[in-house]
Amino acid sequence: MEKPPSKDLIVTFYCKDPHSQGAVECESFYRTDRGSWIVQAKKRGPGVGAQLIGLAEDETFGELSERTVNAFVQKYVREHYGIDLGDAPN
């Protein structure tokens, strides 16, 4: 008999805001064992949530800086396509 899939995810750190100080309160991306992503981000209030389209009750949102997203894209493209995009312009 097959074992049902676990509802718990296993996450592995992927990258963070390159300007963050240490491991405290830093925006981060985590890879899961399901081929998905977890994003650690700053909470924003209900006024922002009200502007989002189709936010389900079991979904949430957070705000990431452009530098964190740039770090994610650079690392992802390098790993998956072998292309070094270099540093993003400021």
PDB file of N, CA and C in Angstrom:
ATOM      1  N   MET A   1       0.836  -1.173   0.000  1.00  0.00           N
ATOM      2  CA  MET A   1       0.000   0.000   0.000  1.00  0.00           C
ATOM      3  C   MET A   1       0.887   1.244   0.000  1.00  0.00           C
ATOM      4  N   GLU A   2       0.555   2.203  -0.896  1.00  0.00           N
ATOM      5  CA  GLU A   2       1.352   3.428  -0.989  1.00  0.00           C
ATOM      6  C   GLU A   2       1.102   4.338   0.198  1.00  0.00           C
ATOM      7  N   LYS A   3       2.155   4.954   0.630  1.00  0.00           N
ATOM      8  CA  LYS A   3       2.061   5.915   1.728  1.00  0.00           C
ATOM      9  C   LYS A   3       1.517   7.233   1.174  1.00  0.00           C
ATOM     10  N   PRO A   4       0.516   7.839   1.829  1.00  0.00           N
ATOM     11  CA  PRO A   4      -0.002   9.122   1.341  1.00  0.00           C
ATOM     12  C   PRO A   4       1.067  10.202   1.455  1.00  0.00           C
ATOM     13  N   PRO A   5       1.049  11.178   0.542  1.00  0.00           N
ATOM     14  CA  PRO A   5       2.057  12.239   0.612  1.00  0.00           C
ATOM     15  C   PRO A   5       1.928  13.041   1.899  1.00  0.00           C
ATOM     16  N   SER A   6       3.067  13.456   2.412  1.00  0.00           N
ATOM     17  CA  SER A   6       3.099  14.268   3.630  1.00  0.00           C
ATOM     18  C   SER A   6       2.548  15.653   3.334  1.00  0.00           C
ATOM     19  N   LYS A   7       1.800  16.203   4.263  1.00  0.00           N
ATOM     20  CA  LYS A   7       1.300  17.570   4.101  1.00  0.00           C
ATOM     21  C   LYS A   7       2.361  18.580   4.503  1.00  0.00           C
ATOM     22  N   ASP A   8       3.373  18.120   5.212  1.00  0.00           N
ATOM     23  CA  ASP A   8       4.442  19.016   5.639  1.00  0.00           C
ATOM     24  C   ASP A   8       5.478  19.150   4.532  1.00  0.00           C
ATOM     25  N   LEU A   9       5.953  20.347   4.356  1.00  0.00           N
ATOM     26  CA  LEU A   9       7.009  20.615   3.388  1.00  0.00           C
ATOM     27  C   LEU A   9       8.362  20.554   4.080  1.00  0.00           C
ATOM     28  N   ILE A  10       9.356  20.173   3.329  1.00  0.00           N
ATOM     29  CA  ILE A  10      10.737  20.288   3.794  1.00  0.00           C
ATOM     30  C   ILE A  10      11.350  21.419   2.990  1.00  0.00           C
ATOM     31  N   VAL A  11      11.854  22.434   3.684  1.00  0.00           N
ATOM     32  CA  VAL A  11      12.403  23.598   3.006  1.00  0.00           C
ATOM     33  C   VAL A  11      13.916  23.667   3.171  1.00  0.00           C
ATOM     34  N   THR A  12      14.566  24.199   2.134  1.00  0.00           N
ATOM     35  CA  THR A  12      16.004  24.400   2.134  1.00  0.00           C
ATOM     36  C   THR A  12      16.270  25.849   1.750  1.00  0.00           C
ATOM     37  N   PHE A  13      17.080  26.539   2.537  1.00  0.00           N
ATOM     38  CA  PHE A  13      17.426  27.925   2.247  1.00  0.00           C
ATOM     39  C   PHE A  13      17.984  28.033   0.841  1.00  0.00           C
ATOM     40  N   TYR A  14      17.576  29.080   0.100  1.00  0.00           N
ATOM     41  CA  TYR A  14      18.052  29.289  -1.266  1.00  0.00           C
ATOM     42  C   TYR A  14      18.864  30.583  -1.369  1.00  0.00           C
ATOM     43  N   CYS A  15      18.267  31.720  -1.047  1.00  0.00           N
ATOM     44  CA  CYS A  15      19.004  32.988  -1.055  1.00  0.00           C
ATOM     45  C   CYS A  15      18.244  34.015  -0.237  1.00  0.00           C
ATOM     46  N   LYS A  16      18.935  35.116   0.085  1.00  0.00           N
ATOM     47  CA  LYS A  16      18.333  36.177   0.889  1.00  0.00           C
ATOM     48  C   LYS A  16      18.731  37.530   0.345  1.00  0.00           C
ATOM     49  N   ASP A  17      18.173  38.569   0.937  1.00  0.00           N
ATOM     50  CA  ASP A  17      18.529  39.937   0.598  1.00  0.00           C
ATOM     51  C   ASP A  17      20.037  40.092   0.798  1.00  0.00           C
ATOM     52  N   PRO A  18      20.772  40.406  -0.263  1.00  0.00           N
ATOM     53  CA  PRO A  18      22.231  40.501  -0.119  1.00  0.00           C
ATOM     54  C   PRO A  18      22.688  41.634   0.788  1.00  0.00           C
ATOM     55  N   HIS A  19      21.814  42.570   1.118  1.00  0.00           N
ATOM     56  CA  HIS A  19      22.186  43.670   2.002  1.00  0.00           C
ATOM     57  C   HIS A  19      21.741  43.458   3.439  1.00  0.00           C
ATOM     58  N   SER A  20      21.159  42.299   3.731  1.00  0.00           N
ATOM     59  CA  SER A  20      20.699  42.048   5.099  1.00  0.00           C
ATOM     60  C   SER A  20      21.886  41.783   6.015  1.00  0.00           C
ATOM     61  N   GLN A  21      21.670  42.039   7.286  1.00  0.00           N
ATOM     62  CA  GLN A  21      22.715  41.854   8.285  1.00  0.00           C
ATOM     63  C   GLN A  21      22.471  40.547   9.034  1.00  0.00           C
ATOM     64  N   GLY A  22      23.281  39.559   8.806  1.00  0.00           N
ATOM     65  CA  GLY A  22      23.132  38.285   9.499  1.00  0.00           C
ATOM     66  C   GLY A  22      21.874  37.553   9.093  1.00  0.00           C
ATOM     67  N   ALA A  23      21.322  36.786  10.019  1.00  0.00           N
ATOM     68  CA  ALA A  23      20.158  35.958   9.706  1.00  0.00           C
ATOM     69  C   ALA A  23      18.879  36.479  10.356  1.00  0.00           C
ATOM     70  N   VAL A  24      18.910  37.701  10.849  1.00  0.00           N
ATOM     71  CA  VAL A  24      17.745  38.233  11.544  1.00  0.00           C
ATOM     72  C   VAL A  24      16.932  39.118  10.599  1.00  0.00           C
ATOM     73  N   GLU A  25      15.637  38.860  10.538  1.00  0.00           N
ATOM     74  CA  GLU A  25      14.707  39.673   9.753  1.00  0.00           C
ATOM     75  C   GLU A  25      15.184  39.926   8.329  1.00  0.00           C
ATOM     76  N   CYS A  26      15.526  38.856   7.625  1.00  0.00           N
ATOM     77  CA  CYS A  26      15.948  39.059   6.243  1.00  0.00           C
ATOM     78  C   CYS A  26      14.978  38.371   5.285  1.00  0.00           C
ATOM     79  N   GLU A  27      14.648  39.096   4.219  1.00  0.00           N
ATOM     80  CA  GLU A  27      13.816  38.521   3.169  1.00  0.00           C
ATOM     81  C   GLU A  27      14.570  37.344   2.566  1.00  0.00           C
ATOM     82  N   SER A  28      13.882  36.238   2.380  1.00  0.00           N
ATOM     83  CA  SER A  28      14.566  35.037   1.895  1.00  0.00           C
ATOM     84  C   SER A  28      13.661  34.187   1.017  1.00  0.00           C
ATOM     85  N   PHE A  29      14.284  33.410   0.142  1.00  0.00           N
ATOM     86  CA  PHE A  29      13.606  32.383  -0.643  1.00  0.00           C
ATOM     87  C   PHE A  29      14.076  31.030  -0.133  1.00  0.00           C
ATOM     88  N   TYR A  30      13.153  30.088  -0.060  1.00  0.00           N
ATOM     89  CA  TYR A  30      13.451  28.713   0.319  1.00  0.00           C
ATOM     90  C   TYR A  30      12.884  27.789  -0.751  1.00  0.00           C
ATOM     91  N   ARG A  31      13.634  26.761  -1.110  1.00  0.00           N
ATOM     92  CA  ARG A  31      13.172  25.735  -2.050  1.00  0.00           C
ATOM     93  C   ARG A  31      12.520  24.628  -1.237  1.00  0.00           C
ATOM     94  N   THR A  32      11.442  24.041  -1.764  1.00  0.00           N
ATOM     95  CA  THR A  32      10.784  22.948  -1.054  1.00  0.00           C
ATOM     96  C   THR A  32      11.074  21.622  -1.744  1.00  0.00           C
ATOM     97  N   ASP A  33      10.768  20.548  -1.040  1.00  0.00           N
ATOM     98  CA  ASP A  33      10.940  19.216  -1.613  1.00  0.00           C
ATOM     99  C   ASP A  33       9.858  18.898  -2.642  1.00  0.00           C
ATOM    100  N   ARG A  34       8.921  19.791  -2.863  1.00  0.00           N
ATOM    101  CA  ARG A  34       7.869  19.607  -3.867  1.00  0.00           C
ATOM    102  C   ARG A  34       8.131  20.407  -5.135  1.00  0.00           C
ATOM    103  N   GLY A  35       9.292  21.034  -5.228  1.00  0.00           N
ATOM    104  CA  GLY A  35       9.599  21.845  -6.403  1.00  0.00           C
ATOM    105  C   GLY A  35       8.897  23.194  -6.380  1.00  0.00           C
ATOM    106  N   SER A  36       8.537  23.665  -5.198  1.00  0.00           N
ATOM    107  CA  SER A  36       7.903  24.971  -5.060  1.00  0.00           C
ATOM    108  C   SER A  36       8.799  25.869  -4.214  1.00  0.00           C
ATOM    109  N   TRP A  37       8.319  27.066  -3.921  1.00  0.00           N
ATOM    110  CA  TRP A  37       9.115  28.048  -3.202  1.00  0.00           C
ATOM    111  C   TRP A  37       8.344  28.597  -2.006  1.00  0.00           C
ATOM    112  N   ILE A  38       9.062  28.886  -0.941  1.00  0.00           N
ATOM    113  CA  ILE A  38       8.533  29.598   0.215  1.00  0.00           C
ATOM    114  C   ILE A  38       9.271  30.928   0.264  1.00  0.00           C
ATOM    115  N   VAL A  39       8.536  31.994   0.500  1.00  0.00           N
ATOM    116  CA  VAL A  39       9.124  33.327   0.551  1.00  0.00           C
ATOM    117  C   VAL A  39       8.935  33.886   1.955  1.00  0.00           C
ATOM    118  N   GLN A  40      10.037  34.297   2.565  1.00  0.00           N
ATOM    119  CA  GLN A  40      10.002  34.977   3.862  1.00  0.00           C
ATOM    120  C   GLN A  40      10.041  36.470   3.564  1.00  0.00           C
ATOM    121  N   ALA A  41       8.990  37.181   3.972  1.00  0.00           N
ATOM    122  CA  ALA A  41       8.887  38.589   3.609  1.00  0.00           C
ATOM    123  C   ALA A  41       8.211  39.388   4.720  1.00  0.00           C
ATOM    124  N   LYS A  42       8.262  40.688   4.593  1.00  0.00           N
ATOM    125  CA  LYS A  42       7.605  41.582   5.542  1.00  0.00           C
ATOM    126  C   LYS A  42       6.092  41.497   5.373  1.00  0.00           C
ATOM    127  N   LYS A  43       5.374  41.410   6.493  1.00  0.00           N
ATOM    128  CA  LYS A  43       3.909  41.430   6.464  1.00  0.00           C
ATOM    129  C   LYS A  43       3.447  42.820   6.049  1.00  0.00           C
ATOM    130  N   ARG A  44       2.344  42.857   5.349  1.00  0.00           N
ATOM    131  CA  ARG A  44       1.708  44.120   5.010  1.00  0.00           C
ATOM    132  C   ARG A  44       0.237  44.000   5.377  1.00  0.00           C
ATOM    133  N   GLY A  45      -0.405  45.084   5.640  1.00  0.00           N
ATOM    134  CA  GLY A  45      -1.743  45.094   6.213  1.00  0.00           C
ATOM    135  C   GLY A  45      -2.885  44.767   5.269  1.00  0.00           C
ATOM    136  N   PRO A  46      -4.093  44.803   5.820  1.00  0.00           N
ATOM    137  CA  PRO A  46      -5.282  44.446   5.055  1.00  0.00           C
ATOM    138  C   PRO A  46      -5.548  45.372   3.875  1.00  0.00           C
ATOM    139  N   GLY A  47      -5.062  46.611   3.943  1.00  0.00           N
ATOM    140  CA  GLY A  47      -5.230  47.524   2.808  1.00  0.00           C
ATOM    141  C   GLY A  47      -4.513  47.021   1.571  1.00  0.00           C
ATOM    142  N   VAL A  48      -3.354  46.424   1.759  1.00  0.00           N
ATOM    143  CA  VAL A  48      -2.619  45.833   0.634  1.00  0.00           C
ATOM    144  C   VAL A  48      -3.329  44.553   0.181  1.00  0.00           C
ATOM    145  N   GLY A  49      -3.716  43.722   1.153  1.00  0.00           N
ATOM    146  CA  GLY A  49      -4.409  42.475   0.831  1.00  0.00           C
ATOM    147  C   GLY A  49      -5.675  42.695   0.028  1.00  0.00           C
ATOM    148  N   ALA A  50      -6.389  43.774   0.322  1.00  0.00           N
ATOM    149  CA  ALA A  50      -7.627  44.079  -0.387  1.00  0.00           C
ATOM    150  C   ALA A  50      -7.387  44.402  -1.862  1.00  0.00           C
ATOM    151  N   GLN A  51      -6.169  44.799  -2.201  1.00  0.00           N
ATOM    152  CA  GLN A  51      -5.846  45.136  -3.585  1.00  0.00           C
ATOM    153  C   GLN A  51      -5.462  43.919  -4.420  1.00  0.00           C
ATOM    154  N   LEU A  52      -5.215  42.791  -3.758  1.00  0.00           N
ATOM    155  CA  LEU A  52      -4.789  41.591  -4.474  1.00  0.00           C
ATOM    156  C   LEU A  52      -5.992  40.864  -5.053  1.00  0.00           C
ATOM    157  N   ILE A  53      -5.803  40.307  -6.228  1.00  0.00           N
ATOM    158  CA  ILE A  53      -6.886  39.618  -6.928  1.00  0.00           C
ATOM    159  C   ILE A  53      -6.860  38.139  -6.594  1.00  0.00           C
ATOM    160  N   GLY A  54      -7.968  37.615  -6.127  1.00  0.00           N
ATOM    161  CA  GLY A  54      -8.114  36.176  -5.920  1.00  0.00           C
ATOM    162  C   GLY A  54      -7.290  35.606  -4.775  1.00  0.00           C
ATOM    163  N   LEU A  55      -7.042  36.368  -3.738  1.00  0.00           N
ATOM    164  CA  LEU A  55      -6.289  35.869  -2.591  1.00  0.00           C
ATOM    165  C   LEU A  55      -7.202  34.947  -1.790  1.00  0.00           C
ATOM    166  N   ALA A  56      -6.901  33.652  -1.823  1.00  0.00           N
ATOM    167  CA  ALA A  56      -7.721  32.673  -1.119  1.00  0.00           C
ATOM    168  C   ALA A  56      -7.490  32.764   0.380  1.00  0.00           C
ATOM    169  N   GLU A  57      -8.407  32.216   1.144  1.00  0.00           N
ATOM    170  CA  GLU A  57      -8.311  32.279   2.596  1.00  0.00           C
ATOM    171  C   GLU A  57      -7.053  31.593   3.123  1.00  0.00           C
ATOM    172  N   ASP A  58      -6.572  30.568   2.405  1.00  0.00           N
ATOM    173  CA  ASP A  58      -5.371  29.862   2.864  1.00  0.00           C
ATOM    174  C   ASP A  58      -4.093  30.442   2.257  1.00  0.00           C
ATOM    175  N   GLU A  59      -4.176  31.606   1.610  1.00  0.00           N
ATOM    176  CA  GLU A  59      -3.010  32.257   1.018  1.00  0.00           C
ATOM    177  C   GLU A  59      -2.643  33.502   1.822  1.00  0.00           C
ATOM    178  N   THR A  60      -1.393  33.898   1.686  1.00  0.00           N
ATOM    179  CA  THR A  60      -0.919  35.105   2.349  1.00  0.00           C
ATOM    180  C   THR A  60       0.014  35.846   1.398  1.00  0.00           C
ATOM    181  N   PHE A  61       0.568  36.935   1.841  1.00  0.00           N
ATOM    182  CA  PHE A  61       1.453  37.724   0.987  1.00  0.00           C
ATOM    183  C   PHE A  61       2.456  38.456   1.852  1.00  0.00           C
ATOM    184  N   GLY A  62       3.548  38.862   1.243  1.00  0.00           N
ATOM    185  CA  GLY A  62       4.565  39.646   1.909  1.00  0.00           C
ATOM    186  C   GLY A  62       5.262  40.502   0.870  1.00  0.00           C
ATOM    187  N   GLU A  63       5.993  41.484   1.308  1.00  0.00           N
ATOM    188  CA  GLU A  63       6.694  42.385   0.397  1.00  0.00           C
ATOM    189  C   GLU A  63       8.182  42.080   0.398  1.00  0.00           C
ATOM    190  N   LEU A  64       8.747  41.905  -0.799  1.00  0.00           N
ATOM    191  CA  LEU A  64      10.182  41.682  -0.972  1.00  0.00           C
ATOM    192  C   LEU A  64      10.786  42.884  -1.681  1.00  0.00           C
ATOM    193  N   SER A  65      12.020  43.218  -1.334  1.00  0.00           N
ATOM    194  CA  SER A  65      12.711  44.306  -2.033  1.00  0.00           C
ATOM    195  C   SER A  65      13.153  43.829  -3.412  1.00  0.00           C
ATOM    196  N   GLU A  66      13.377  44.775  -4.293  1.00  0.00           N
ATOM    197  CA  GLU A  66      13.843  44.439  -5.633  1.00  0.00           C
ATOM    198  C   GLU A  66      15.211  43.759  -5.578  1.00  0.00           C
ATOM    199  N   ARG A  67      16.068  44.141  -4.633  1.00  0.00           N
ATOM    200  CA  ARG A  67      17.401  43.524  -4.564  1.00  0.00           C
ATOM    201  C   ARG A  67      17.305  42.043  -4.200  1.00  0.00           C
ATOM    202  N   THR A  68      16.316  41.650  -3.364  1.00  0.00           N
ATOM    203  CA  THR A  68      16.150  40.237  -3.025  1.00  0.00           C
ATOM    204  C   THR A  68      15.657  39.456  -4.232  1.00  0.00           C
ATOM    205  N   VAL A  69      14.705  40.024  -4.967  1.00  0.00           N
ATOM    206  CA  VAL A  69      14.205  39.364  -6.178  1.00  0.00           C
ATOM    207  C   VAL A  69      15.326  39.259  -7.211  1.00  0.00           C
ATOM    208  N   ASN A  70      16.148  40.308  -7.350  1.00  0.00           N
ATOM    209  CA  ASN A  70      17.287  40.256  -8.269  1.00  0.00           C
ATOM    210  C   ASN A  70      18.256  39.134  -7.879  1.00  0.00           C
ATOM    211  N   ALA A  71      18.526  38.991  -6.585  1.00  0.00           N
ATOM    212  CA  ALA A  71      19.420  37.919  -6.123  1.00  0.00           C
ATOM    213  C   ALA A  71      18.842  36.554  -6.475  1.00  0.00           C
ATOM    214  N   PHE A  72      17.526  36.400  -6.305  1.00  0.00           N
ATOM    215  CA  PHE A  72      16.860  35.151  -6.639  1.00  0.00           C
ATOM    216  C   PHE A  72      16.996  34.855  -8.141  1.00  0.00           C
ATOM    217  N   VAL A  73      16.679  35.836  -8.971  1.00  0.00           N
ATOM    218  CA  VAL A  73      16.731  35.642 -10.426  1.00  0.00           C
ATOM    219  C   VAL A  73      18.147  35.306 -10.879  1.00  0.00           C
ATOM    220  N   GLN A  74      19.135  36.033 -10.379  1.00  0.00           N
ATOM    221  CA  GLN A  74      20.528  35.770 -10.759  1.00  0.00           C
ATOM    222  C   GLN A  74      20.928  34.344 -10.412  1.00  0.00           C
ATOM    223  N   LYS A  75      20.626  33.915  -9.204  1.00  0.00           N
ATOM    224  CA  LYS A  75      21.002  32.564  -8.772  1.00  0.00           C
ATOM    225  C   LYS A  75      20.235  31.507  -9.563  1.00  0.00           C
ATOM    226  N   TYR A  76      18.954  31.716  -9.759  1.00  0.00           N
ATOM    227  CA  TYR A  76      18.116  30.755 -10.479  1.00  0.00           C
ATOM    228  C   TYR A  76      18.588  30.593 -11.929  1.00  0.00           C
ATOM    229  N   VAL A  77      18.833  31.704 -12.609  1.00  0.00           N
ATOM    230  CA  VAL A  77      19.285  31.658 -14.004  1.00  0.00           C
ATOM    231  C   VAL A  77      20.660  30.984 -14.102  1.00  0.00           C
ATOM    232  N   ARG A  78      21.554  31.281 -13.162  1.00  0.00           N
ATOM    233  CA  ARG A  78      22.878  30.660 -13.161  1.00  0.00           C
ATOM    234  C   ARG A  78      22.766  29.148 -12.980  1.00  0.00           C
ATOM    235  N   GLU A  79      21.931  28.704 -12.035  1.00  0.00           N
ATOM    236  CA  GLU A  79      21.787  27.269 -11.770  1.00  0.00           C
ATOM    237  C   GLU A  79      21.055  26.523 -12.877  1.00  0.00           C
ATOM    238  N   HIS A  80      20.006  27.122 -13.426  1.00  0.00           N
ATOM    239  CA  HIS A  80      19.160  26.403 -14.377  1.00  0.00           C
ATOM    240  C   HIS A  80      19.564  26.591 -15.834  1.00  0.00           C
ATOM    241  N   TYR A  81      20.242  27.686 -16.160  1.00  0.00           N
ATOM    242  CA  TYR A  81      20.585  27.974 -17.550  1.00  0.00           C
ATOM    243  C   TYR A  81      22.074  28.194 -17.777  1.00  0.00           C
ATOM    244  N   GLY A  82      22.871  28.195 -16.704  1.00  0.00           N
ATOM    245  CA  GLY A  82      24.304  28.361 -16.822  1.00  0.00           C
ATOM    246  C   GLY A  82      24.728  29.748 -17.283  1.00  0.00           C
ATOM    247  N   ILE A  83      23.894  30.720 -17.089  1.00  0.00           N
ATOM    248  CA  ILE A  83      24.182  32.089 -17.522  1.00  0.00           C
ATOM    249  C   ILE A  83      24.389  32.964 -16.291  1.00  0.00           C
ATOM    250  N   ASP A  84      25.545  33.638 -16.244  1.00  0.00           N
ATOM    251  CA  ASP A  84      25.819  34.558 -15.142  1.00  0.00           C
ATOM    252  C   ASP A  84      25.364  35.939 -15.573  1.00  0.00           C
ATOM    253  N   LEU A  85      24.331  36.436 -14.950  1.00  0.00           N
ATOM    254  CA  LEU A  85      23.794  37.761 -15.310  1.00  0.00           C
ATOM    255  C   LEU A  85      24.609  38.897 -14.720  1.00  0.00           C
ATOM    256  N   GLY A  86      25.576  38.565 -13.849  1.00  0.00           N
ATOM    257  CA  GLY A  86      26.366  39.610 -13.210  1.00  0.00           C
ATOM    258  C   GLY A  86      25.550  40.357 -12.191  1.00  0.00           C
ATOM    259  N   ASP A  87      26.082  41.440 -11.699  1.00  0.00           N
ATOM    260  CA  ASP A  87      25.366  42.247 -10.714  1.00  0.00           C
ATOM    261  C   ASP A  87      24.264  43.049 -11.392  1.00  0.00           C
ATOM    262  N   ALA A  88      23.126  43.132 -10.738  1.00  0.00           N
ATOM    263  CA  ALA A  88      22.025  43.933 -11.254  1.00  0.00           C
ATOM    264  C   ALA A  88      22.367  45.405 -11.086  1.00  0.00           C
ATOM    265  N   PRO A  89      21.964  46.236 -12.049  1.00  0.00           N
ATOM    266  CA  PRO A  89      22.211  47.672 -11.894  1.00  0.00           C
ATOM    267  C   PRO A  89      21.425  48.222 -10.716  1.00  0.00           C
ATOM    268  N   ASN A  90      21.975  49.246 -10.082  1.00  0.00           N
ATOM    269  CA  ASN A  90      21.278  49.861  -8.927  1.00  0.00           C
ATOM    270  C   ASN A  90      20.146  50.725  -9.381  1.00  0.00           C
TER     271      ASN A  90
END
